[in-house]
């Protein structure tokens, strides 16, 4: 993992502990997606719920987790 990814990961963890809203880059990192993929999902209306705060799209950690859980396949989910 390069230093940039470590920094984004550290900032995402700090955000989870202090503020439930993640930037698009932090949300993408959390989900293991490229930022461009998350942006495309948002534009298509198929990504996690998000909010526009000023000029910045923000993702609530609960919305990210719910979106991810809704896509679970296989295995025991019960």
PDB file of N, CA and C in Angstrom:
ATOM      1  N   UNK A   1       0.856  -1.166   0.000  1.00  0.00           N
ATOM      2  CA  UNK A   1       0.000   0.000   0.000  1.00  0.00           C
ATOM      3  C   UNK A   1       0.906   1.235   0.000  1.00  0.00           C
ATOM      4  N   UNK A   2       0.652   2.158  -0.920  1.00  0.00           N
ATOM      5  CA  UNK A   2       1.494   3.346  -0.978  1.00  0.00           C
ATOM      6  C   UNK A   2       1.084   4.366   0.095  1.00  0.00           C
ATOM      7  N   UNK A   3       1.894   5.411   0.236  1.00  0.00           N
ATOM      8  CA  UNK A   3       1.649   6.404   1.282  1.00  0.00           C
ATOM      9  C   UNK A   3       0.328   7.133   1.094  1.00  0.00           C
ATOM     10  N   UNK A   4      -0.063   7.384  -0.162  1.00  0.00           N
ATOM     11  CA  UNK A   4      -1.326   8.072  -0.417  1.00  0.00           C
ATOM     12  C   UNK A   4      -2.497   7.235   0.069  1.00  0.00           C
ATOM     13  N   UNK A   5      -2.481   5.946  -0.231  1.00  0.00           N
ATOM     14  CA  UNK A   5      -3.559   5.055   0.208  1.00  0.00           C
ATOM     15  C   UNK A   5      -3.588   4.962   1.730  1.00  0.00           C
ATOM     16  N   UNK A   6      -2.414   4.912   2.352  1.00  0.00           N
ATOM     17  CA  UNK A   6      -2.360   4.874   3.811  1.00  0.00           C
ATOM     18  C   UNK A   6      -2.945   6.146   4.405  1.00  0.00           C
ATOM     19  N   UNK A   7      -2.624   7.288   3.785  1.00  0.00           N
ATOM     20  CA  UNK A   7      -3.135   8.569   4.277  1.00  0.00           C
ATOM     21  C   UNK A   7      -4.650   8.638   4.128  1.00  0.00           C
ATOM     22  N   UNK A   8      -5.174   8.210   2.984  1.00  0.00           N
ATOM     23  CA  UNK A   8      -6.621   8.217   2.778  1.00  0.00           C
ATOM     24  C   UNK A   8      -7.285   7.270   3.765  1.00  0.00           C
ATOM     25  N   UNK A   9      -6.688   6.104   3.960  1.00  0.00           N
ATOM     26  CA  UNK A   9      -7.232   5.149   4.922  1.00  0.00           C
ATOM     27  C   UNK A   9      -7.232   5.704   6.333  1.00  0.00           C
ATOM     28  N   UNK A  10      -6.155   6.369   6.705  1.00  0.00           N
ATOM     29  CA  UNK A  10      -6.062   6.957   8.047  1.00  0.00           C
ATOM     30  C   UNK A  10      -7.088   8.066   8.213  1.00  0.00           C
ATOM     31  N   UNK A  11      -7.264   8.874   7.167  1.00  0.00           N
ATOM     32  CA  UNK A  11      -8.250   9.951   7.243  1.00  0.00           C
ATOM     33  C   UNK A  11      -9.662   9.386   7.295  1.00  0.00           C
ATOM     34  N   UNK A  12      -9.904   8.298   6.556  1.00  0.00           N
ATOM     35  CA  UNK A  12     -11.229   7.666   6.594  1.00  0.00           C
ATOM     36  C   UNK A  12     -11.516   7.117   7.990  1.00  0.00           C
ATOM     37  N   UNK A  13     -10.528   6.492   8.606  1.00  0.00           N
ATOM     38  CA  UNK A  13     -10.699   5.959   9.959  1.00  0.00           C
ATOM     39  C   UNK A  13     -10.956   7.093  10.940  1.00  0.00           C
ATOM     40  N   UNK A  14     -10.218   8.171  10.830  1.00  0.00           N
ATOM     41  CA  UNK A  14     -10.426   9.319  11.717  1.00  0.00           C
ATOM     42  C   UNK A  14     -11.815   9.900  11.521  1.00  0.00           C
ATOM     43  N   UNK A  15     -12.266   9.951  10.279  1.00  0.00           N
ATOM     44  CA  UNK A  15     -13.604  10.472   9.997  1.00  0.00           C
ATOM     45  C   UNK A  15     -14.669   9.588  10.626  1.00  0.00           C
ATOM     46  N   UNK A  16     -14.463   8.287  10.567  1.00  0.00           N
ATOM     47  CA  UNK A  16     -15.433   7.368  11.167  1.00  0.00           C
ATOM     48  C   UNK A  16     -15.526   7.595  12.673  1.00  0.00           C
ATOM     49  N   UNK A  17     -14.411   7.925  13.292  1.00  0.00           N
ATOM     50  CA  UNK A  17     -14.375   8.099  14.735  1.00  0.00           C
ATOM     51  C   UNK A  17     -14.895   9.468  15.169  1.00  0.00           C
ATOM     52  N   UNK A  18     -14.771  10.469  14.308  1.00  0.00           N
ATOM     53  CA  UNK A  18     -15.133  11.826  14.698  1.00  0.00           C
ATOM     54  C   UNK A  18     -16.328  12.387  13.942  1.00  0.00           C
ATOM     55  N   UNK A  19     -16.528  11.943  12.708  1.00  0.00           N
ATOM     56  CA  UNK A  19     -17.605  12.457  11.865  1.00  0.00           C
ATOM     57  C   UNK A  19     -18.070  11.312  10.973  1.00  0.00           C
ATOM     58  N   UNK A  20     -19.368  11.074  10.883  1.00  0.00           N
ATOM     59  CA  UNK A  20     -19.847   9.938  10.093  1.00  0.00           C
ATOM     60  C   UNK A  20     -19.829  10.174   8.589  1.00  0.00           C
ATOM     61  N   UNK A  21     -19.464  11.380   8.141  1.00  0.00           N
ATOM     62  CA  UNK A  21     -19.457  11.672   6.712  1.00  0.00           C
ATOM     63  C   UNK A  21     -18.068  11.543   6.124  1.00  0.00           C
ATOM     64  N   UNK A  22     -17.971  10.794   5.033  1.00  0.00           N
ATOM     65  CA  UNK A  22     -16.710  10.605   4.330  1.00  0.00           C
ATOM     66  C   UNK A  22     -16.754  11.353   3.008  1.00  0.00           C
ATOM     67  N   UNK A  23     -15.591  11.820   2.561  1.00  0.00           N
ATOM     68  CA  UNK A  23     -15.499  12.393   1.225  1.00  0.00           C
ATOM     69  C   UNK A  23     -15.643  11.259   0.212  1.00  0.00           C
ATOM     70  N   UNK A  24     -15.810  11.604  -1.036  1.00  0.00           N
ATOM     71  CA  UNK A  24     -15.930  10.579  -2.079  1.00  0.00           C
ATOM     72  C   UNK A  24     -14.667   9.720  -2.147  1.00  0.00           C
ATOM     73  N   UNK A  25     -13.505  10.330  -2.003  1.00  0.00           N
ATOM     74  CA  UNK A  25     -12.255   9.556  -2.044  1.00  0.00           C
ATOM     75  C   UNK A  25     -12.169   8.603  -0.862  1.00  0.00           C
ATOM     76  N   UNK A  26     -12.554   9.061   0.317  1.00  0.00           N
ATOM     77  CA  UNK A  26     -12.533   8.200   1.492  1.00  0.00           C
ATOM     78  C   UNK A  26     -13.548   7.072   1.352  1.00  0.00           C
ATOM     79  N   UNK A  27     -14.740   7.398   0.836  1.00  0.00           N
ATOM     80  CA  UNK A  27     -15.774   6.381   0.650  1.00  0.00           C
ATOM     81  C   UNK A  27     -15.328   5.333  -0.362  1.00  0.00           C
ATOM     82  N   UNK A  28     -14.730   5.785  -1.452  1.00  0.00           N
ATOM     83  CA  UNK A  28     -14.242   4.848  -2.469  1.00  0.00           C
ATOM     84  C   UNK A  28     -13.188   3.922  -1.876  1.00  0.00           C
ATOM     85  N   UNK A  29     -12.265   4.476  -1.117  1.00  0.00           N
ATOM     86  CA  UNK A  29     -11.223   3.671  -0.479  1.00  0.00           C
ATOM     87  C   UNK A  29     -11.846   2.657   0.469  1.00  0.00           C
ATOM     88  N   UNK A  30     -12.802   3.101   1.259  1.00  0.00           N
ATOM     89  CA  UNK A  30     -13.479   2.225   2.224  1.00  0.00           C
ATOM     90  C   UNK A  30     -14.145   1.048   1.515  1.00  0.00           C
ATOM     91  N   UNK A  31     -14.731   1.309   0.350  1.00  0.00           N
ATOM     92  CA  UNK A  31     -15.427   0.271  -0.405  1.00  0.00           C
ATOM     93  C   UNK A  31     -14.493  -0.550  -1.294  1.00  0.00           C
ATOM     94  N   UNK A  32     -13.264  -0.128  -1.434  1.00  0.00           N
ATOM     95  CA  UNK A  32     -12.328  -0.826  -2.308  1.00  0.00           C
ATOM     96  C   UNK A  32     -12.600  -0.540  -3.775  1.00  0.00           C
ATOM     97  N   UNK A  33     -13.142   0.638  -4.051  1.00  0.00           N
ATOM     98  CA  UNK A  33     -13.453   1.039  -5.416  1.00  0.00           C
ATOM     99  C   UNK A  33     -12.538   2.180  -5.840  1.00  0.00           C
ATOM    100  N   UNK A  34     -12.376   2.319  -7.130  1.00  0.00           N
ATOM    101  CA  UNK A  34     -11.686   3.498  -7.648  1.00  0.00           C
ATOM    102  C   UNK A  34     -12.609   4.699  -7.467  1.00  0.00           C
ATOM    103  N   UNK A  35     -12.030   5.859  -7.234  1.00  0.00           N
ATOM    104  CA  UNK A  35     -12.815   7.080  -7.091  1.00  0.00           C
ATOM    105  C   UNK A  35     -13.691   7.280  -8.326  1.00  0.00           C
ATOM    106  N   UNK A  36     -13.136   7.032  -9.507  1.00  0.00           N
ATOM    107  CA  UNK A  36     -13.896   7.227 -10.749  1.00  0.00           C
ATOM    108  C   UNK A  36     -15.093   6.282 -10.834  1.00  0.00           C
ATOM    109  N   UNK A  37     -14.966   5.087 -10.286  1.00  0.00           N
ATOM    110  CA  UNK A  37     -16.077   4.131 -10.274  1.00  0.00           C
ATOM    111  C   UNK A  37     -17.187   4.637  -9.367  1.00  0.00           C
ATOM    112  N   UNK A  38     -16.830   5.113  -8.175  1.00  0.00           N
ATOM    113  CA  UNK A  38     -17.833   5.640  -7.254  1.00  0.00           C
ATOM    114  C   UNK A  38     -18.526   6.866  -7.864  1.00  0.00           C
ATOM    115  N   UNK A  39     -17.755   7.703  -8.524  1.00  0.00           N
ATOM    116  CA  UNK A  39     -18.329   8.884  -9.181  1.00  0.00           C
ATOM    117  C   UNK A  39     -19.320   8.464 -10.260  1.00  0.00           C
ATOM    118  N   UNK A  40     -18.955   7.470 -11.060  1.00  0.00           N
ATOM    119  CA  UNK A  40     -19.842   6.977 -12.115  1.00  0.00           C
ATOM    120  C   UNK A  40     -21.118   6.382 -11.512  1.00  0.00           C
ATOM    121  N   UNK A  41     -20.991   5.622 -10.442  1.00  0.00           N
ATOM    122  CA  UNK A  41     -22.159   5.058  -9.760  1.00  0.00           C
ATOM    123  C   UNK A  41     -23.077   6.163  -9.248  1.00  0.00           C
ATOM    124  N   UNK A  42     -22.480   7.228  -8.697  1.00  0.00           N
ATOM    125  CA  UNK A  42     -23.271   8.360  -8.212  1.00  0.00           C
ATOM    126  C   UNK A  42     -24.019   9.020  -9.370  1.00  0.00           C
ATOM    127  N   UNK A  43     -23.336   9.230 -10.483  1.00  0.00           N
ATOM    128  CA  UNK A  43     -23.944   9.881 -11.634  1.00  0.00           C
ATOM    129  C   UNK A  43     -25.067   9.039 -12.239  1.00  0.00           C
ATOM    130  N   UNK A  44     -24.921   7.723 -12.167  1.00  0.00           N
ATOM    131  CA  UNK A  44     -25.949   6.820 -12.688  1.00  0.00           C
ATOM    132  C   UNK A  44     -27.088   6.618 -11.692  1.00  0.00           C
ATOM    133  N   UNK A  45     -26.886   7.050 -10.460  1.00  0.00           N
ATOM    134  CA  UNK A  45     -27.912   6.887  -9.433  1.00  0.00           C
ATOM    135  C   UNK A  45     -27.958   5.499  -8.830  1.00  0.00           C
ATOM    136  N   UNK A  46     -26.867   4.731  -8.975  1.00  0.00           N
ATOM    137  CA  UNK A  46     -26.841   3.361  -8.471  1.00  0.00           C
ATOM    138  C   UNK A  46     -25.857   3.161  -7.313  1.00  0.00           C
ATOM    139  N   UNK A  47     -25.175   4.220  -6.915  1.00  0.00           N
ATOM    140  CA  UNK A  47     -24.211   4.124  -5.823  1.00  0.00           C
ATOM    141  C   UNK A  47     -24.873   4.337  -4.476  1.00  0.00           C
ATOM    142  N   UNK A  48     -24.050   4.398  -3.437  1.00  0.00           N
ATOM    143  CA  UNK A  48     -24.579   4.665  -2.097  1.00  0.00           C
ATOM    144  C   UNK A  48     -25.224   6.049  -2.049  1.00  0.00           C
ATOM    145  N   UNK A  49     -26.170   6.224  -1.132  1.00  0.00           N
ATOM    146  CA  UNK A  49     -26.755   7.546  -0.928  1.00  0.00           C
ATOM    147  C   UNK A  49     -25.637   8.521  -0.594  1.00  0.00           C
ATOM    148  N   UNK A  50     -25.771   9.733  -1.098  1.00  0.00           N
ATOM    149  CA  UNK A  50     -24.774  10.753  -0.799  1.00  0.00           C
ATOM    150  C   UNK A  50     -25.452  12.107  -0.708  1.00  0.00           C
ATOM    151  N   UNK A  51     -24.698  13.052  -0.175  1.00  0.00           N
ATOM    152  CA  UNK A  51     -25.229  14.397   0.044  1.00  0.00           C
ATOM    153  C   UNK A  51     -24.203  15.402  -0.460  1.00  0.00           C
ATOM    154  N   UNK A  52     -24.699  16.487  -0.999  1.00  0.00           N
ATOM    155  CA  UNK A  52     -23.811  17.554  -1.442  1.00  0.00           C
ATOM    156  C   UNK A  52     -23.708  18.586  -0.328  1.00  0.00           C
ATOM    157  N   UNK A  53     -22.534  18.673   0.266  1.00  0.00           N
ATOM    158  CA  UNK A  53     -22.264  19.645   1.326  1.00  0.00           C
ATOM    159  C   UNK A  53     -21.388  20.728   0.699  1.00  0.00           C
ATOM    160  N   UNK A  54     -21.982  21.863   0.399  1.00  0.00           N
ATOM    161  CA  UNK A  54     -21.227  22.899  -0.317  1.00  0.00           C
ATOM    162  C   UNK A  54     -20.926  22.394  -1.712  1.00  0.00           C
ATOM    163  N   UNK A  55     -19.666  22.247  -2.030  1.00  0.00           N
ATOM    164  CA  UNK A  55     -19.239  21.714  -3.335  1.00  0.00           C
ATOM    165  C   UNK A  55     -18.771  20.264  -3.251  1.00  0.00           C
ATOM    166  N   UNK A  56     -18.835  19.684  -2.066  1.00  0.00           N
ATOM    167  CA  UNK A  56     -18.258  18.362  -1.846  1.00  0.00           C
ATOM    168  C   UNK A  56     -19.332  17.319  -1.590  1.00  0.00           C
ATOM    169  N   UNK A  57     -19.255  16.214  -2.325  1.00  0.00           N
ATOM    170  CA  UNK A  57     -20.151  15.092  -2.079  1.00  0.00           C
ATOM    171  C   UNK A  57     -19.670  14.369  -0.843  1.00  0.00           C
ATOM    172  N   UNK A  58     -20.595  14.067   0.054  1.00  0.00           N
ATOM    173  CA  UNK A  58     -20.280  13.350   1.294  1.00  0.00           C
ATOM    174  C   UNK A  58     -21.140  12.103   1.385  1.00  0.00           C
ATOM    175  N   UNK A  59     -20.549  11.049   1.929  1.00  0.00           N
ATOM    176  CA  UNK A  59     -21.217   9.765   2.098  1.00  0.00           C
ATOM    177  C   UNK A  59     -21.257   9.440   3.581  1.00  0.00           C
ATOM    178  N   UNK A  60     -22.439   9.181   4.097  1.00  0.00           N
ATOM    179  CA  UNK A  60     -22.568   8.789   5.503  1.00  0.00           C
ATOM    180  C   UNK A  60     -22.133   7.328   5.610  1.00  0.00           C
ATOM    181  N   UNK A  61     -21.371   7.020   6.622  1.00  0.00           N
ATOM    182  CA  UNK A  61     -20.830   5.667   6.773  1.00  0.00           C
ATOM    183  C   UNK A  61     -21.943   4.619   6.836  1.00  0.00           C
ATOM    184  N   UNK A  62     -23.074   4.942   7.451  1.00  0.00           N
ATOM    185  CA  UNK A  62     -24.186   3.991   7.515  1.00  0.00           C
ATOM    186  C   UNK A  62     -24.771   3.722   6.131  1.00  0.00           C
ATOM    187  N   UNK A  63     -24.839   4.752   5.279  1.00  0.00           N
ATOM    188  CA  UNK A  63     -25.342   4.577   3.915  1.00  0.00           C
ATOM    189  C   UNK A  63     -24.381   3.731   3.079  1.00  0.00           C
ATOM    190  N   UNK A  64     -23.094   3.924   3.297  1.00  0.00           N
ATOM    191  CA  UNK A  64     -22.087   3.121   2.582  1.00  0.00           C
ATOM    192  C   UNK A  64     -22.228   1.655   2.970  1.00  0.00           C
ATOM    193  N   UNK A  65     -22.331   1.405   4.275  1.00  0.00           N
ATOM    194  CA  UNK A  65     -22.449   0.028   4.764  1.00  0.00           C
ATOM    195  C   UNK A  65     -23.746  -0.621   4.287  1.00  0.00           C
ATOM    196  N   UNK A  66     -24.852   0.125   4.300  1.00  0.00           N
ATOM    197  CA  UNK A  66     -26.141  -0.421   3.853  1.00  0.00           C
ATOM    198  C   UNK A  66     -26.096  -0.747   2.362  1.00  0.00           C
ATOM    199  N   UNK A  67     -25.509   0.134   1.570  1.00  0.00           N
ATOM    200  CA  UNK A  67     -25.395  -0.092   0.128  1.00  0.00           C
ATOM    201  C   UNK A  67     -24.560  -1.344  -0.137  1.00  0.00           C
ATOM    202  N   UNK A  68     -23.463  -1.475   0.567  1.00  0.00           N
ATOM    203  CA  UNK A  68     -22.594  -2.635   0.396  1.00  0.00           C
ATOM    204  C   UNK A  68     -23.302  -3.921   0.822  1.00  0.00           C
ATOM    205  N   UNK A  69     -23.971  -3.907   1.971  1.00  0.00           N
ATOM    206  CA  UNK A  69     -24.662  -5.096   2.473  1.00  0.00           C
ATOM    207  C   UNK A  69     -25.772  -5.543   1.529  1.00  0.00           C
ATOM    208  N   UNK A  70     -26.421  -4.595   0.873  1.00  0.00           N
ATOM    209  CA  UNK A  70     -27.502  -4.923  -0.058  1.00  0.00           C
ATOM    210  C   UNK A  70     -26.989  -5.668  -1.283  1.00  0.00           C
ATOM    211  N   UNK A  71     -25.690  -5.626  -1.522  1.00  0.00           N
ATOM    212  CA  UNK A  71     -25.094  -6.297  -2.674  1.00  0.00           C
ATOM    213  C   UNK A  71     -24.431  -7.624  -2.331  1.00  0.00           C
ATOM    214  N   UNK A  72     -24.578  -8.063  -1.096  1.00  0.00           N
ATOM    215  CA  UNK A  72     -23.963  -9.317  -0.665  1.00  0.00           C
ATOM    216  C   UNK A  72     -24.578 -10.485  -1.426  1.00  0.00           C
ATOM    217  N   UNK A  73     -23.750 -11.406  -1.814  1.00  0.00           N
ATOM    218  CA  UNK A  73     -24.181 -12.586  -2.544  1.00  0.00           C
ATOM    219  C   UNK A  73     -23.493 -13.830  -1.990  1.00  0.00           C
ATOM    220  N   UNK A  74     -24.223 -14.929  -1.980  1.00  0.00           N
ATOM    221  CA  UNK A  74     -23.649 -16.205  -1.580  1.00  0.00           C
ATOM    222  C   UNK A  74     -23.369 -16.288  -0.091  1.00  0.00           C
ATOM    223  N   UNK A  75     -22.988 -17.443   0.358  1.00  0.00           N
ATOM    224  CA  UNK A  75     -22.641 -17.621   1.770  1.00  0.00           C
ATOM    225  C   UNK A  75     -23.854 -17.514   2.665  1.00  0.00           C
ATOM    226  N   UNK A  76     -23.587 -17.516   3.957  1.00  0.00           N
ATOM    227  CA  UNK A  76     -24.639 -17.430   4.952  1.00  0.00           C
ATOM    228  C   UNK A  76     -24.760 -16.000   5.425  1.00  0.00           C
ATOM    229  N   UNK A  77     -25.849 -15.337   5.099  1.00  0.00           N
ATOM    230  CA  UNK A  77     -26.061 -13.930   5.488  1.00  0.00           C
ATOM    231  C   UNK A  77     -27.045 -13.820   6.628  1.00  0.00           C
ATOM    232  N   UNK A  78     -27.438 -14.904   7.222  1.00  0.00           N
ATOM    233  CA  UNK A  78     -28.476 -14.854   8.230  1.00  0.00           C
ATOM    234  C   UNK A  78     -27.982 -14.709   9.587  1.00  0.00           C
TER     235      UNK A  78
END
